[in-house]
Amino acid sequence: VFKSRTPPEAIALCSSLLEYTPSSRLSPLEACAHSFFDELRCLGTQLPNNRPLPPLFNFSAELSIQPSLNAILIPPHLRSPAGTTTLTPSSQ
């Protein structure tokens, strides 16, 4: 199904999302925290046309669903000292 140059992280993410047993399947927030998306959380990541990323980390109520994922979902450079999301010019 996948081309030979498909990143292993993409295959792992798809496999986890297509898990037959519902209790073993990734939730949407767990999928967002998957290592496949780590590049999006890196400081300085830009779109292919060199424009800044759109606001991807302005979570609020979603973070209360699985607080254990907060440290993975919100990059360190966008966290406030209190652990909440800080909107920066590139994330607004």
N, C-alpha and C. Protein backbone atom coordinates (compact mmCIF):
# COMPACT_ATOMS: atom_id res chain seq x y z
N VAL A 1 0.82 -1.19 0.00
CA VAL A 1 0.00 0.00 0.00
C VAL A 1 0.87 1.25 0.00
N PHE A 2 1.97 1.24 0.77
CA PHE A 2 2.84 2.41 0.87
C PHE A 2 3.98 2.31 -0.13
N LYS A 3 4.42 3.46 -0.61
CA LYS A 3 5.59 3.51 -1.49
C LYS A 3 6.84 3.20 -0.67
N SER A 4 7.89 2.79 -1.34
CA SER A 4 9.11 2.37 -0.64
C SER A 4 9.77 3.51 0.13
N ARG A 5 9.54 4.74 -0.26
CA ARG A 5 10.17 5.87 0.43
C ARG A 5 9.29 6.46 1.54
N THR A 6 8.20 5.81 1.88
CA THR A 6 7.34 6.28 2.97
C THR A 6 8.09 6.18 4.29
N PRO A 7 8.12 7.27 5.06
CA PRO A 7 8.85 7.23 6.34
C PRO A 7 8.27 6.16 7.28
N PRO A 8 9.13 5.47 8.00
CA PRO A 8 8.65 4.44 8.94
C PRO A 8 7.67 5.00 9.97
N GLU A 9 7.87 6.28 10.38
CA GLU A 9 6.96 6.88 11.35
C GLU A 9 5.55 7.01 10.78
N ALA A 10 5.44 7.29 9.48
CA ALA A 10 4.12 7.40 8.84
C ALA A 10 3.42 6.04 8.82
N ILE A 11 4.18 5.01 8.54
CA ILE A 11 3.60 3.66 8.52
C ILE A 11 3.17 3.25 9.93
N ALA A 12 4.00 3.57 10.92
CA ALA A 12 3.65 3.24 12.31
C ALA A 12 2.40 3.98 12.75
N LEU A 13 2.29 5.26 12.38
CA LEU A 13 1.09 6.04 12.73
C LEU A 13 -0.15 5.44 12.09
N CYS A 14 -0.08 5.15 10.80
CA CYS A 14 -1.23 4.55 10.11
C CYS A 14 -1.60 3.21 10.72
N SER A 15 -0.62 2.41 11.04
CA SER A 15 -0.89 1.11 11.66
C SER A 15 -1.60 1.27 12.99
N SER A 16 -1.18 2.26 13.77
CA SER A 16 -1.80 2.50 15.07
C SER A 16 -3.23 3.03 14.93
N LEU A 17 -3.47 3.82 13.89
CA LEU A 17 -4.81 4.36 13.67
C LEU A 17 -5.77 3.30 13.12
N LEU A 18 -5.22 2.32 12.42
CA LEU A 18 -6.05 1.28 11.81
C LEU A 18 -6.10 0.00 12.64
N GLU A 19 -5.65 0.08 13.87
CA GLU A 19 -5.69 -1.07 14.78
C GLU A 19 -7.12 -1.58 14.88
N TYR A 20 -7.29 -2.89 14.74
CA TYR A 20 -8.62 -3.49 14.74
C TYR A 20 -9.30 -3.36 16.10
N THR A 21 -8.57 -3.60 17.17
CA THR A 21 -9.14 -3.55 18.51
C THR A 21 -9.27 -2.10 18.97
N PRO A 22 -10.49 -1.62 19.19
CA PRO A 22 -10.68 -0.20 19.55
C PRO A 22 -9.86 0.26 20.75
N SER A 23 -9.75 -0.57 21.76
CA SER A 23 -9.00 -0.16 22.96
C SER A 23 -7.50 -0.04 22.69
N SER A 24 -7.02 -0.65 21.63
CA SER A 24 -5.60 -0.57 21.26
C SER A 24 -5.33 0.54 20.25
N ARG A 25 -6.38 1.09 19.67
CA ARG A 25 -6.26 2.11 18.63
C ARG A 25 -5.89 3.46 19.25
N LEU A 26 -5.10 4.26 18.56
CA LEU A 26 -4.76 5.60 19.03
C LEU A 26 -5.98 6.50 19.03
N SER A 27 -6.08 7.34 20.05
CA SER A 27 -7.11 8.37 20.05
C SER A 27 -6.62 9.52 19.15
N PRO A 28 -7.49 10.43 18.77
CA PRO A 28 -7.04 11.56 17.95
C PRO A 28 -5.91 12.37 18.60
N LEU A 29 -6.01 12.64 19.90
CA LEU A 29 -4.94 13.39 20.57
C LEU A 29 -3.65 12.60 20.64
N GLU A 30 -3.75 11.29 20.86
CA GLU A 30 -2.56 10.45 20.86
C GLU A 30 -1.91 10.46 19.47
N ALA A 31 -2.73 10.48 18.43
CA ALA A 31 -2.20 10.55 17.07
C ALA A 31 -1.45 11.87 16.85
N CYS A 32 -2.00 12.96 17.38
CA CYS A 32 -1.32 14.26 17.26
C CYS A 32 0.03 14.27 17.97
N ALA A 33 0.15 13.47 19.03
CA ALA A 33 1.39 13.41 19.80
C ALA A 33 2.39 12.41 19.22
N HIS A 34 2.04 11.72 18.15
CA HIS A 34 2.91 10.71 17.55
C HIS A 34 4.20 11.34 17.03
N SER A 35 5.27 10.58 17.04
CA SER A 35 6.58 11.08 16.60
C SER A 35 6.59 11.52 15.13
N PHE A 36 5.64 11.06 14.34
CA PHE A 36 5.56 11.49 12.94
C PHE A 36 5.44 13.02 12.85
N PHE A 37 4.79 13.63 13.84
CA PHE A 37 4.55 15.07 13.82
C PHE A 37 5.59 15.87 14.61
N ASP A 38 6.66 15.24 15.07
CA ASP A 38 7.68 15.93 15.87
C ASP A 38 8.26 17.14 15.14
N GLU A 39 8.46 17.04 13.86
CA GLU A 39 9.04 18.16 13.10
C GLU A 39 8.19 19.42 13.23
N LEU A 40 6.88 19.27 13.32
CA LEU A 40 5.99 20.43 13.45
C LEU A 40 6.18 21.14 14.78
N ARG A 41 6.69 20.43 15.77
CA ARG A 41 6.88 21.02 17.09
C ARG A 41 8.26 21.65 17.27
N CYS A 42 9.11 21.56 16.26
CA CYS A 42 10.46 22.14 16.35
C CYS A 42 10.42 23.65 16.11
N LEU A 43 11.15 24.37 16.94
CA LEU A 43 11.25 25.81 16.79
C LEU A 43 11.85 26.14 15.42
N GLY A 44 11.23 27.05 14.70
CA GLY A 44 11.74 27.47 13.41
C GLY A 44 11.21 26.70 12.22
N THR A 45 10.38 25.68 12.46
CA THR A 45 9.82 24.93 11.33
C THR A 45 8.94 25.85 10.50
N GLN A 46 9.10 25.76 9.18
CA GLN A 46 8.33 26.59 8.26
C GLN A 46 7.65 25.71 7.22
N LEU A 47 6.69 26.30 6.53
CA LEU A 47 6.05 25.63 5.41
C LEU A 47 7.05 25.55 4.25
N PRO A 48 6.81 24.70 3.26
CA PRO A 48 7.74 24.59 2.12
C PRO A 48 7.99 25.92 1.41
N ASN A 49 7.04 26.86 1.47
CA ASN A 49 7.22 28.16 0.82
C ASN A 49 7.86 29.18 1.77
N ASN A 50 8.47 28.69 2.87
CA ASN A 50 9.18 29.50 3.86
C ASN A 50 8.28 30.41 4.69
N ARG A 51 6.99 30.21 4.64
CA ARG A 51 6.08 30.96 5.50
C ARG A 51 5.98 30.25 6.84
N PRO A 52 5.61 30.97 7.91
CA PRO A 52 5.47 30.33 9.21
C PRO A 52 4.30 29.36 9.23
N LEU A 53 4.37 28.41 10.14
CA LEU A 53 3.27 27.46 10.29
C LEU A 53 2.02 28.19 10.78
N PRO A 54 0.84 27.71 10.42
CA PRO A 54 -0.38 28.29 10.99
C PRO A 54 -0.44 27.93 12.48
N PRO A 55 -1.37 28.49 13.23
CA PRO A 55 -1.45 28.18 14.67
C PRO A 55 -1.87 26.73 14.89
N LEU A 56 -0.91 25.90 15.23
CA LEU A 56 -1.17 24.47 15.42
C LEU A 56 -1.31 24.09 16.89
N PHE A 57 -0.89 24.95 17.79
CA PHE A 57 -0.77 24.55 19.19
C PHE A 57 -1.66 25.37 20.12
N ASN A 58 -2.73 25.92 19.60
CA ASN A 58 -3.62 26.71 20.44
C ASN A 58 -4.72 25.81 21.03
N PHE A 59 -4.28 24.75 21.71
CA PHE A 59 -5.19 23.84 22.38
C PHE A 59 -5.69 24.51 23.66
N SER A 60 -6.87 24.16 24.08
CA SER A 60 -7.36 24.63 25.37
C SER A 60 -8.10 23.48 26.03
N ALA A 61 -9.36 23.35 25.74
CA ALA A 61 -10.16 22.28 26.35
C ALA A 61 -9.62 20.90 25.98
N GLU A 62 -9.05 20.79 24.80
CA GLU A 62 -8.54 19.49 24.35
C GLU A 62 -7.46 18.95 25.28
N LEU A 63 -6.66 19.84 25.85
CA LEU A 63 -5.56 19.41 26.70
C LEU A 63 -6.04 18.83 28.03
N SER A 64 -7.25 19.15 28.43
CA SER A 64 -7.76 18.60 29.68
C SER A 64 -8.24 17.16 29.51
N ILE A 65 -8.39 16.70 28.28
CA ILE A 65 -8.86 15.34 28.03
C ILE A 65 -7.81 14.33 28.46
N GLN A 66 -6.57 14.54 28.06
CA GLN A 66 -5.46 13.65 28.42
C GLN A 66 -4.27 14.51 28.83
N PRO A 67 -4.26 15.01 30.06
CA PRO A 67 -3.17 15.90 30.49
C PRO A 67 -1.77 15.30 30.33
N SER A 68 -1.67 13.99 30.32
CA SER A 68 -0.36 13.35 30.17
C SER A 68 0.27 13.64 28.80
N LEU A 69 -0.53 14.07 27.83
CA LEU A 69 0.00 14.36 26.50
C LEU A 69 0.44 15.82 26.34
N ASN A 70 0.13 16.67 27.32
CA ASN A 70 0.44 18.09 27.19
C ASN A 70 1.91 18.35 26.87
N ALA A 71 2.81 17.67 27.56
CA ALA A 71 4.24 17.90 27.35
C ALA A 71 4.70 17.48 25.96
N ILE A 72 3.98 16.56 25.34
CA ILE A 72 4.34 16.13 23.99
C ILE A 72 3.70 17.04 22.95
N LEU A 73 2.43 17.39 23.16
CA LEU A 73 1.69 18.17 22.17
C LEU A 73 2.17 19.62 22.06
N ILE A 74 2.48 20.24 23.19
CA ILE A 74 2.88 21.65 23.18
C ILE A 74 4.41 21.73 23.24
N PRO A 75 5.04 22.28 22.19
CA PRO A 75 6.50 22.38 22.18
C PRO A 75 6.99 23.26 23.33
N PRO A 76 8.18 22.98 23.85
CA PRO A 76 8.71 23.77 24.98
C PRO A 76 8.74 25.27 24.71
N HIS A 77 9.05 25.68 23.49
CA HIS A 77 9.15 27.11 23.20
C HIS A 77 7.80 27.81 23.18
N LEU A 78 6.69 27.07 23.25
CA LEU A 78 5.36 27.67 23.30
C LEU A 78 4.68 27.49 24.64
N ARG A 79 5.37 26.91 25.61
CA ARG A 79 4.79 26.71 26.95
C ARG A 79 5.13 27.89 27.84
N SER A 80 4.16 28.30 28.63
CA SER A 80 4.42 29.33 29.63
C SER A 80 4.94 28.64 30.88
N PRO A 81 5.50 29.39 31.82
CA PRO A 81 5.99 28.77 33.06
C PRO A 81 4.91 27.99 33.80
N ALA A 82 3.65 28.39 33.67
CA ALA A 82 2.56 27.70 34.36
C ALA A 82 2.15 26.43 33.63
N GLY A 83 2.75 26.17 32.46
CA GLY A 83 2.43 24.96 31.72
C GLY A 83 1.32 25.12 30.71
N THR A 84 0.83 26.35 30.54
CA THR A 84 -0.22 26.58 29.56
C THR A 84 0.40 27.04 28.25
N THR A 85 -0.39 27.05 27.20
CA THR A 85 0.10 27.45 25.89
C THR A 85 0.28 28.96 25.83
N THR A 86 1.39 29.39 25.27
CA THR A 86 1.65 30.79 25.03
C THR A 86 1.62 31.02 23.53
N LEU A 87 0.79 31.96 23.09
CA LEU A 87 0.73 32.25 21.67
C LEU A 87 1.82 33.25 21.32
N THR A 88 2.66 32.86 20.39
CA THR A 88 3.73 33.73 19.91
C THR A 88 3.34 34.24 18.54
N PRO A 89 4.03 35.26 18.01
CA PRO A 89 3.67 35.78 16.69
C PRO A 89 3.59 34.70 15.62
N SER A 90 4.45 33.69 15.68
CA SER A 90 4.41 32.65 14.66
C SER A 90 3.31 31.63 14.90
N SER A 91 2.68 31.67 16.09
CA SER A 91 1.63 30.69 16.38
C SER A 91 0.25 31.31 16.41
N GLN A 92 0.13 32.59 16.09
CA GLN A 92 -1.18 33.24 16.11
C GLN A 92 -1.82 33.19 14.75
